[in-house]
Amino acid sequence: MKKADYLIIVSTNTPGGVEISKAAIIQQHISPVHAGGLGLNRPRIDDLILLEGELINIIPENSPNEVDLWGISQGINGLSGMAKYVAIVGGRTKDNSKEWDTRTKEQKETLKIYVQYRLLRNPDLIIMGLNQVPAMDKVEMPGFNVPKWLESIGVPQKNIF
């Protein structure tokens, strides 16, 4: 099994408080562009954290994404390698007008445990928000300051991008 080099935190880019299912994520990602989807051959999200904090696996553990699927290696820092993507349901204001930290208390707790678990399995893992990826500099997702949050839960500086 390939070990992930990066853990990238994203949101589903949906209004806060509105649940979205695993099936809806998969459909959105693999549907053709002309049908409103992203036209991918597989979802870009490995794991999904629902509003009540439930963790749902979308992509099997032994199948991390190559980071280049998001164009990361074309950024200033030339990131490349394998990545796991965890998404928080939400990420936008209720009126869907802008990015926002819509994490529930339960989502924050699950994400904290998820990050700690990933670091136990891979002490060299680098964690970042999608908005920190050099090739994604126009993206505001996930709607909160990931490095500041990581520091607040005690993640070592060496693991924070």
N, C-alpha and C. Protein backbone atom coordinates (compact mmCIF):
# COMPACT_ATOMS: atom_id res chain seq x y z
N MET A 1 0.83 -1.18 0.00
CA MET A 1 0.00 0.00 0.00
C MET A 1 0.88 1.25 0.00
N LYS A 2 0.53 2.20 -0.84
CA LYS A 2 1.26 3.46 -0.89
C LYS A 2 0.86 4.33 0.29
N LYS A 3 1.84 4.95 0.91
CA LYS A 3 1.59 5.82 2.03
C LYS A 3 1.37 7.24 1.52
N ALA A 4 0.38 7.93 2.05
CA ALA A 4 0.11 9.31 1.65
C ALA A 4 1.19 10.23 2.19
N ASP A 5 1.59 11.20 1.37
CA ASP A 5 2.53 12.23 1.78
C ASP A 5 1.80 13.41 2.40
N TYR A 6 0.57 13.63 1.94
CA TYR A 6 -0.21 14.79 2.36
C TYR A 6 -1.62 14.39 2.79
N LEU A 7 -2.14 15.13 3.74
CA LEU A 7 -3.56 15.07 4.08
C LEU A 7 -4.10 16.45 3.75
N ILE A 8 -5.05 16.50 2.84
CA ILE A 8 -5.60 17.78 2.41
C ILE A 8 -7.05 17.87 2.89
N ILE A 9 -7.32 18.92 3.64
CA ILE A 9 -8.65 19.14 4.21
C ILE A 9 -9.43 20.05 3.27
N VAL A 10 -10.61 19.58 2.90
CA VAL A 10 -11.48 20.32 1.99
C VAL A 10 -12.88 20.38 2.61
N SER A 11 -13.78 21.05 1.92
CA SER A 11 -15.19 21.01 2.30
C SER A 11 -15.96 20.50 1.08
N THR A 12 -17.23 20.21 1.28
CA THR A 12 -18.05 19.80 0.15
C THR A 12 -18.52 21.01 -0.65
N ASN A 13 -18.19 22.20 -0.17
CA ASN A 13 -18.54 23.44 -0.86
C ASN A 13 -20.05 23.58 -0.99
N THR A 14 -20.74 23.20 0.08
CA THR A 14 -22.19 23.25 0.13
C THR A 14 -22.61 24.13 1.32
N PRO A 15 -23.86 24.62 1.33
CA PRO A 15 -24.31 25.47 2.43
C PRO A 15 -24.24 24.77 3.78
N GLY A 16 -23.81 25.50 4.79
CA GLY A 16 -23.73 24.96 6.14
C GLY A 16 -25.08 24.46 6.61
N GLY A 17 -25.07 23.34 7.32
CA GLY A 17 -26.29 22.77 7.87
C GLY A 17 -27.06 21.88 6.92
N VAL A 18 -26.61 21.77 5.68
CA VAL A 18 -27.29 20.94 4.69
C VAL A 18 -26.47 19.67 4.48
N GLU A 19 -27.05 18.52 4.85
CA GLU A 19 -26.35 17.25 4.73
C GLU A 19 -26.20 16.86 3.26
N ILE A 20 -25.15 16.13 2.96
CA ILE A 20 -24.93 15.59 1.62
C ILE A 20 -24.47 14.14 1.79
N SER A 21 -24.91 13.29 0.93
CA SER A 21 -24.62 11.85 1.08
C SER A 21 -23.38 11.44 0.30
N LYS A 22 -22.88 10.28 0.65
CA LYS A 22 -21.77 9.67 -0.08
C LYS A 22 -22.15 9.50 -1.54
N ALA A 23 -23.34 9.02 -1.80
CA ALA A 23 -23.79 8.81 -3.18
C ALA A 23 -23.81 10.12 -3.96
N ALA A 24 -24.23 11.21 -3.32
CA ALA A 24 -24.27 12.51 -3.99
C ALA A 24 -22.87 13.00 -4.32
N ILE A 25 -21.92 12.78 -3.43
CA ILE A 25 -20.52 13.16 -3.67
C ILE A 25 -19.98 12.38 -4.87
N ILE A 26 -20.19 11.08 -4.85
CA ILE A 26 -19.69 10.25 -5.95
C ILE A 26 -20.31 10.70 -7.27
N GLN A 27 -21.62 10.89 -7.27
CA GLN A 27 -22.32 11.32 -8.49
C GLN A 27 -21.79 12.66 -9.00
N GLN A 28 -21.60 13.61 -8.10
CA GLN A 28 -21.10 14.93 -8.48
C GLN A 28 -19.71 14.83 -9.13
N HIS A 29 -18.88 13.98 -8.60
CA HIS A 29 -17.51 13.88 -9.08
C HIS A 29 -17.37 13.09 -10.39
N ILE A 30 -18.18 12.05 -10.56
CA ILE A 30 -17.99 11.20 -11.75
C ILE A 30 -18.95 11.51 -12.90
N SER A 31 -19.97 12.31 -12.66
CA SER A 31 -20.88 12.68 -13.75
C SER A 31 -20.15 13.54 -14.77
N PRO A 32 -20.53 13.42 -16.04
CA PRO A 32 -19.90 14.25 -17.07
C PRO A 32 -20.11 15.74 -16.82
N VAL A 33 -19.19 16.54 -17.28
CA VAL A 33 -19.26 17.99 -17.11
C VAL A 33 -20.56 18.53 -17.72
N HIS A 34 -20.93 18.03 -18.89
CA HIS A 34 -22.16 18.52 -19.54
C HIS A 34 -23.42 18.22 -18.73
N ALA A 35 -23.31 17.30 -17.77
CA ALA A 35 -24.44 16.96 -16.90
C ALA A 35 -24.31 17.63 -15.53
N GLY A 36 -23.36 18.57 -15.40
CA GLY A 36 -23.18 19.29 -14.15
C GLY A 36 -22.18 18.69 -13.19
N GLY A 37 -21.52 17.61 -13.59
CA GLY A 37 -20.54 16.97 -12.73
C GLY A 37 -19.13 17.48 -13.00
N LEU A 38 -18.16 16.83 -12.37
CA LEU A 38 -16.76 17.20 -12.56
C LEU A 38 -16.08 16.36 -13.64
N GLY A 39 -16.73 15.28 -14.07
CA GLY A 39 -16.21 14.46 -15.16
C GLY A 39 -14.95 13.67 -14.81
N LEU A 40 -14.83 13.27 -13.55
CA LEU A 40 -13.65 12.53 -13.11
C LEU A 40 -13.89 11.03 -13.19
N ASN A 41 -12.81 10.25 -13.16
CA ASN A 41 -12.98 8.80 -13.18
C ASN A 41 -13.19 8.23 -11.78
N ARG A 42 -13.01 9.05 -10.75
CA ARG A 42 -13.27 8.66 -9.37
C ARG A 42 -13.41 9.92 -8.52
N PRO A 43 -14.07 9.81 -7.37
CA PRO A 43 -14.20 10.99 -6.51
C PRO A 43 -12.83 11.49 -6.03
N ARG A 44 -12.73 12.77 -5.78
CA ARG A 44 -11.50 13.36 -5.25
C ARG A 44 -11.51 13.40 -3.73
N ILE A 45 -12.53 12.90 -3.12
CA ILE A 45 -12.62 12.87 -1.66
C ILE A 45 -12.48 11.43 -1.20
N ASP A 46 -11.55 11.20 -0.26
CA ASP A 46 -11.35 9.86 0.28
C ASP A 46 -12.30 9.56 1.43
N ASP A 47 -12.46 10.54 2.32
CA ASP A 47 -13.30 10.38 3.49
C ASP A 47 -14.16 11.62 3.67
N LEU A 48 -15.35 11.43 4.21
CA LEU A 48 -16.34 12.49 4.36
C LEU A 48 -16.81 12.54 5.80
N ILE A 49 -16.84 13.74 6.37
CA ILE A 49 -17.33 13.92 7.74
C ILE A 49 -18.69 14.62 7.66
N LEU A 50 -19.73 13.87 8.05
CA LEU A 50 -21.10 14.39 8.01
C LEU A 50 -21.35 15.37 9.15
N LEU A 51 -22.48 16.06 9.11
CA LEU A 51 -22.80 17.10 10.08
C LEU A 51 -22.76 16.61 11.53
N GLU A 52 -23.22 15.39 11.77
CA GLU A 52 -23.25 14.85 13.13
C GLU A 52 -21.93 14.20 13.52
N GLY A 53 -20.91 14.34 12.66
CA GLY A 53 -19.58 13.84 12.98
C GLY A 53 -19.29 12.44 12.48
N GLU A 54 -20.25 11.81 11.83
CA GLU A 54 -20.01 10.46 11.31
C GLU A 54 -18.99 10.52 10.18
N LEU A 55 -18.02 9.59 10.22
CA LEU A 55 -16.98 9.50 9.21
C LEU A 55 -17.38 8.43 8.20
N ILE A 56 -17.45 8.82 6.93
CA ILE A 56 -17.84 7.92 5.85
C ILE A 56 -16.65 7.76 4.91
N ASN A 57 -16.27 6.52 4.62
CA ASN A 57 -15.19 6.26 3.67
C ASN A 57 -15.76 6.22 2.26
N ILE A 58 -15.09 6.91 1.33
CA ILE A 58 -15.52 6.92 -0.07
C ILE A 58 -14.54 6.13 -0.93
N ILE A 59 -13.27 6.37 -0.77
CA ILE A 59 -12.22 5.68 -1.53
C ILE A 59 -11.52 4.71 -0.58
N PRO A 60 -11.32 3.46 -0.99
CA PRO A 60 -10.65 2.49 -0.11
C PRO A 60 -9.29 3.00 0.39
N GLU A 61 -8.97 2.61 1.59
CA GLU A 61 -7.74 3.04 2.26
C GLU A 61 -6.49 2.81 1.44
N ASN A 62 -6.44 1.74 0.69
CA ASN A 62 -5.22 1.40 -0.04
C ASN A 62 -5.14 2.06 -1.41
N SER A 63 -5.92 3.12 -1.62
CA SER A 63 -5.96 3.75 -2.94
C SER A 63 -5.90 5.27 -2.85
N PRO A 64 -4.82 5.84 -2.29
CA PRO A 64 -4.74 7.30 -2.20
C PRO A 64 -4.61 7.93 -3.59
N ASN A 65 -5.00 9.19 -3.69
CA ASN A 65 -4.89 9.94 -4.94
C ASN A 65 -3.45 10.37 -5.17
N GLU A 66 -3.06 10.41 -6.44
CA GLU A 66 -1.81 11.09 -6.75
C GLU A 66 -2.10 12.57 -6.63
N VAL A 67 -1.21 13.29 -6.01
CA VAL A 67 -1.45 14.70 -5.75
C VAL A 67 -1.69 15.47 -7.04
N ASP A 68 -1.08 15.05 -8.12
CA ASP A 68 -1.22 15.76 -9.39
C ASP A 68 -2.65 15.80 -9.90
N LEU A 69 -3.55 14.98 -9.36
CA LEU A 69 -4.93 15.04 -9.80
C LEU A 69 -5.53 16.42 -9.56
N TRP A 70 -4.96 17.17 -8.60
CA TRP A 70 -5.43 18.52 -8.31
C TRP A 70 -4.48 19.56 -8.90
N GLY A 71 -3.45 19.16 -9.63
CA GLY A 71 -2.52 20.11 -10.22
C GLY A 71 -1.55 20.70 -9.21
N ILE A 72 -1.38 20.03 -8.10
CA ILE A 72 -0.55 20.57 -7.04
C ILE A 72 0.91 20.73 -7.46
N SER A 73 1.43 19.77 -8.21
CA SER A 73 2.86 19.82 -8.54
C SER A 73 3.21 20.98 -9.46
N GLN A 74 2.21 21.65 -9.99
CA GLN A 74 2.48 22.79 -10.85
C GLN A 74 2.59 24.08 -10.06
N GLY A 75 2.46 24.01 -8.76
CA GLY A 75 2.53 25.21 -7.93
C GLY A 75 3.96 25.65 -7.67
N ILE A 76 4.08 26.73 -6.99
CA ILE A 76 5.37 27.35 -6.69
C ILE A 76 6.30 26.38 -5.96
N ASN A 77 5.76 25.64 -5.01
CA ASN A 77 6.58 24.75 -4.20
C ASN A 77 6.76 23.37 -4.83
N GLY A 78 6.15 23.13 -5.95
CA GLY A 78 6.32 21.86 -6.65
C GLY A 78 5.95 20.64 -5.85
N LEU A 79 4.83 20.66 -5.17
CA LEU A 79 4.40 19.50 -4.38
C LEU A 79 4.06 18.34 -5.30
N SER A 80 4.46 17.17 -4.90
CA SER A 80 4.07 15.97 -5.61
C SER A 80 4.07 14.82 -4.63
N GLY A 81 3.38 13.76 -4.97
CA GLY A 81 3.31 12.60 -4.09
C GLY A 81 1.90 12.08 -4.02
N MET A 82 1.58 11.42 -2.93
CA MET A 82 0.26 10.83 -2.73
C MET A 82 -0.47 11.63 -1.66
N ALA A 83 -1.78 11.74 -1.81
CA ALA A 83 -2.57 12.52 -0.86
C ALA A 83 -3.86 11.82 -0.50
N LYS A 84 -4.29 12.05 0.72
CA LYS A 84 -5.62 11.67 1.18
C LYS A 84 -6.39 12.97 1.34
N TYR A 85 -7.67 12.94 0.94
CA TYR A 85 -8.52 14.11 1.04
C TYR A 85 -9.67 13.79 1.98
N VAL A 86 -9.83 14.64 2.99
CA VAL A 86 -10.96 14.50 3.89
C VAL A 86 -11.81 15.75 3.74
N ALA A 87 -13.12 15.53 3.59
CA ALA A 87 -14.05 16.64 3.38
C ALA A 87 -15.01 16.77 4.54
N ILE A 88 -15.23 18.00 4.92
CA ILE A 88 -16.25 18.35 5.89
C ILE A 88 -17.49 18.75 5.10
N VAL A 89 -18.65 18.20 5.44
CA VAL A 89 -19.88 18.63 4.77
C VAL A 89 -20.12 20.08 5.15
N GLY A 90 -20.36 20.90 4.15
CA GLY A 90 -20.60 22.32 4.35
C GLY A 90 -19.50 23.15 3.72
N GLY A 91 -19.16 24.25 4.36
CA GLY A 91 -18.08 25.10 3.88
C GLY A 91 -18.53 26.42 3.27
N ARG A 92 -19.84 26.61 3.14
CA ARG A 92 -20.35 27.86 2.58
C ARG A 92 -21.46 28.40 3.49
N THR A 93 -21.71 29.69 3.39
CA THR A 93 -22.79 30.29 4.16
C THR A 93 -24.12 29.65 3.76
N LYS A 94 -25.12 29.79 4.61
CA LYS A 94 -26.43 29.18 4.33
C LYS A 94 -27.03 29.68 3.03
N ASP A 95 -26.74 30.94 2.65
CA ASP A 95 -27.26 31.45 1.38
C ASP A 95 -26.33 31.12 0.21
N ASN A 96 -25.27 30.35 0.49
CA ASN A 96 -24.33 29.86 -0.52
C ASN A 96 -23.54 30.98 -1.21
N SER A 97 -23.44 32.15 -0.54
CA SER A 97 -22.80 33.29 -1.19
C SER A 97 -21.28 33.33 -1.03
N LYS A 98 -20.74 32.68 0.03
CA LYS A 98 -19.29 32.70 0.23
C LYS A 98 -18.83 31.55 1.10
N GLU A 99 -17.50 31.30 1.05
CA GLU A 99 -16.89 30.27 1.91
C GLU A 99 -17.04 30.70 3.37
N TRP A 100 -17.23 29.71 4.24
CA TRP A 100 -17.42 30.02 5.65
C TRP A 100 -17.12 28.78 6.48
N ASP A 101 -16.68 28.98 7.71
CA ASP A 101 -16.44 27.86 8.60
C ASP A 101 -17.78 27.41 9.16
N THR A 102 -18.32 26.35 8.60
CA THR A 102 -19.64 25.85 9.00
C THR A 102 -19.52 24.57 9.83
N ARG A 103 -18.30 24.23 10.27
CA ARG A 103 -18.12 22.97 11.00
C ARG A 103 -18.95 22.94 12.28
N THR A 104 -19.62 21.83 12.48
CA THR A 104 -20.35 21.62 13.72
C THR A 104 -19.35 21.17 14.80
N LYS A 105 -19.80 21.21 16.04
CA LYS A 105 -18.97 20.71 17.14
C LYS A 105 -18.56 19.26 16.87
N GLU A 106 -19.49 18.47 16.39
CA GLU A 106 -19.23 17.06 16.11
C GLU A 106 -18.23 16.88 14.96
N GLN A 107 -18.34 17.70 13.93
CA GLN A 107 -17.38 17.63 12.83
C GLN A 107 -15.98 18.00 13.29
N LYS A 108 -15.88 19.02 14.13
CA LYS A 108 -14.57 19.43 14.65
C LYS A 108 -13.92 18.30 15.44
N GLU A 109 -14.72 17.63 16.27
CA GLU A 109 -14.19 16.53 17.08
C GLU A 109 -13.75 15.36 16.21
N THR A 110 -14.57 15.00 15.23
CA THR A 110 -14.20 13.90 14.32
C THR A 110 -12.96 14.26 13.53
N LEU A 111 -12.88 15.48 13.02
CA LEU A 111 -11.72 15.89 12.25
C LEU A 111 -10.46 15.86 13.11
N LYS A 112 -10.57 16.28 14.35
CA LYS A 112 -9.43 16.23 15.27
C LYS A 112 -8.95 14.79 15.45
N ILE A 113 -9.86 13.88 15.72
CA ILE A 113 -9.51 12.47 15.90
C ILE A 113 -8.94 11.90 14.60
N TYR A 114 -9.52 12.26 13.48
CA TYR A 114 -9.06 11.80 12.17
C TYR A 114 -7.62 12.23 11.92
N VAL A 115 -7.32 13.49 12.17
CA VAL A 115 -5.96 14.02 11.98
C VAL A 115 -4.99 13.29 12.91
N GLN A 116 -5.35 13.14 14.17
CA GLN A 116 -4.48 12.45 15.13
C GLN A 116 -4.23 11.00 14.70
N TYR A 117 -5.24 10.34 14.22
CA TYR A 117 -5.11 8.96 13.75
C TYR A 117 -4.16 8.90 12.56
N ARG A 118 -4.34 9.79 11.60
CA ARG A 118 -3.47 9.82 10.42
C ARG A 118 -2.02 10.06 10.81
N LEU A 119 -1.80 10.93 11.77
CA LEU A 119 -0.42 11.20 12.22
C LEU A 119 0.18 10.01 12.96
N LEU A 120 -0.63 9.27 13.69
CA LEU A 120 -0.13 8.05 14.35
C LEU A 120 0.32 7.03 13.32
N ARG A 121 -0.43 6.91 12.23
CA ARG A 121 -0.10 5.96 11.16
C ARG A 121 1.05 6.44 10.30
N ASN A 122 1.22 7.76 10.20
CA ASN A 122 2.25 8.32 9.34
C ASN A 122 2.81 9.59 9.97
N PRO A 123 3.83 9.46 10.81
CA PRO A 123 4.39 10.62 11.52
C PRO A 123 5.00 11.69 10.61
N ASP A 124 5.23 11.38 9.33
CA ASP A 124 5.80 12.36 8.41
C ASP A 124 4.74 13.05 7.55
N LEU A 125 3.48 12.78 7.78
CA LEU A 125 2.39 13.34 7.00
C LEU A 125 2.37 14.87 7.11
N ILE A 126 2.16 15.53 5.98
CA ILE A 126 2.02 16.98 5.94
C ILE A 126 0.54 17.29 5.73
N ILE A 127 0.00 18.18 6.56
CA ILE A 127 -1.44 18.48 6.53
C ILE A 127 -1.64 19.91 6.09
N MET A 128 -2.65 20.11 5.24
CA MET A 128 -2.95 21.45 4.74
C MET A 128 -4.41 21.55 4.33
N GLY A 129 -4.87 22.77 4.19
CA GLY A 129 -6.17 23.02 3.59
C GLY A 129 -6.00 23.14 2.09
N LEU A 130 -7.05 22.88 1.35
CA LEU A 130 -6.96 22.97 -0.11
C LEU A 130 -6.49 24.36 -0.54
N ASN A 131 -6.88 25.38 0.19
CA ASN A 131 -6.49 26.75 -0.16
C ASN A 131 -5.00 27.01 0.01
N GLN A 132 -4.27 26.12 0.63
CA GLN A 132 -2.82 26.26 0.79
C GLN A 132 -2.03 25.63 -0.35
N VAL A 133 -2.68 24.81 -1.13
CA VAL A 133 -2.01 24.14 -2.24
C VAL A 133 -1.64 25.20 -3.28
N PRO A 134 -0.36 25.30 -3.64
CA PRO A 134 0.06 26.38 -4.54
C PRO A 134 -0.76 26.50 -5.82
N ALA A 135 -1.13 25.40 -6.44
CA ALA A 135 -1.89 25.46 -7.69
C ALA A 135 -3.36 25.82 -7.46
N MET A 136 -3.79 25.89 -6.20
CA MET A 136 -5.19 26.17 -5.88
C MET A 136 -5.32 27.52 -5.16
N ASP A 137 -4.45 28.47 -5.48
CA ASP A 137 -4.40 29.73 -4.74
C ASP A 137 -5.66 30.58 -4.85
N LYS A 138 -6.52 30.31 -5.79
CA LYS A 138 -7.77 31.07 -5.93
C LYS A 138 -8.93 30.43 -5.14
N VAL A 139 -8.69 29.26 -4.59
CA VAL A 139 -9.71 28.52 -3.85
C VAL A 139 -9.68 28.95 -2.39
N GLU A 140 -10.85 29.18 -1.81
CA GLU A 140 -10.93 29.58 -0.40
C GLU A 140 -11.21 28.39 0.52
N MET A 141 -11.51 27.26 -0.03
CA MET A 141 -11.91 26.07 0.69
C MET A 141 -10.79 25.59 1.62
N PRO A 142 -11.04 25.19 2.83
CA PRO A 142 -12.28 24.67 3.38
C PRO A 142 -13.10 25.68 4.20
N GLY A 143 -12.74 26.94 4.23
CA GLY A 143 -13.53 27.93 4.95
C GLY A 143 -13.03 28.23 6.35
N PHE A 144 -11.90 27.64 6.74
CA PHE A 144 -11.29 27.97 8.03
C PHE A 144 -9.78 27.88 7.88
N ASN A 145 -9.07 28.49 8.81
CA ASN A 145 -7.61 28.55 8.78
C ASN A 145 -7.06 27.22 9.30
N VAL A 146 -6.68 26.34 8.39
CA VAL A 146 -6.24 25.00 8.75
C VAL A 146 -4.97 25.02 9.61
N PRO A 147 -3.90 25.76 9.23
CA PRO A 147 -2.70 25.76 10.08
C PRO A 147 -2.98 26.23 11.51
N LYS A 148 -3.77 27.28 11.65
CA LYS A 148 -4.10 27.78 13.00
C LYS A 148 -4.87 26.73 13.79
N TRP A 149 -5.83 26.07 13.14
CA TRP A 149 -6.60 25.04 13.80
C TRP A 149 -5.71 23.86 14.19
N LEU A 150 -4.82 23.45 13.28
CA LEU A 150 -3.91 22.34 13.58
C LEU A 150 -3.04 22.66 14.80
N GLU A 151 -2.53 23.88 14.86
CA GLU A 151 -1.75 24.30 16.04
C GLU A 151 -2.59 24.20 17.30
N SER A 152 -3.85 24.61 17.22
CA SER A 152 -4.72 24.62 18.40
C SER A 152 -5.01 23.22 18.94
N ILE A 153 -4.88 22.20 18.08
CA ILE A 153 -5.12 20.83 18.57
C ILE A 153 -3.81 20.09 18.83
N GLY A 154 -2.69 20.81 18.77
CA GLY A 154 -1.40 20.23 19.15
C GLY A 154 -0.65 19.48 18.08
N VAL A 155 -0.96 19.71 16.82
CA VAL A 155 -0.22 19.06 15.74
C VAL A 155 1.17 19.67 15.67
N PRO A 156 2.22 18.85 15.62
CA PRO A 156 3.58 19.38 15.54
C PRO A 156 3.77 20.25 14.29
N GLN A 157 4.57 21.29 14.43
CA GLN A 157 4.83 22.22 13.33
C GLN A 157 5.36 21.52 12.09
N LYS A 158 6.15 20.46 12.27
CA LYS A 158 6.72 19.75 11.13
C LYS A 158 5.67 19.09 10.25
N ASN A 159 4.45 18.92 10.78
CA ASN A 159 3.37 18.28 10.03
C ASN A 159 2.40 19.29 9.42
N ILE A 160 2.63 20.57 9.66
CA ILE A 160 1.75 21.62 9.16
C ILE A 160 2.40 22.29 7.96
N PHE A 161 1.70 22.31 6.85
CA PHE A 161 2.24 22.93 5.64
C PHE A 161 2.31 24.43 5.81
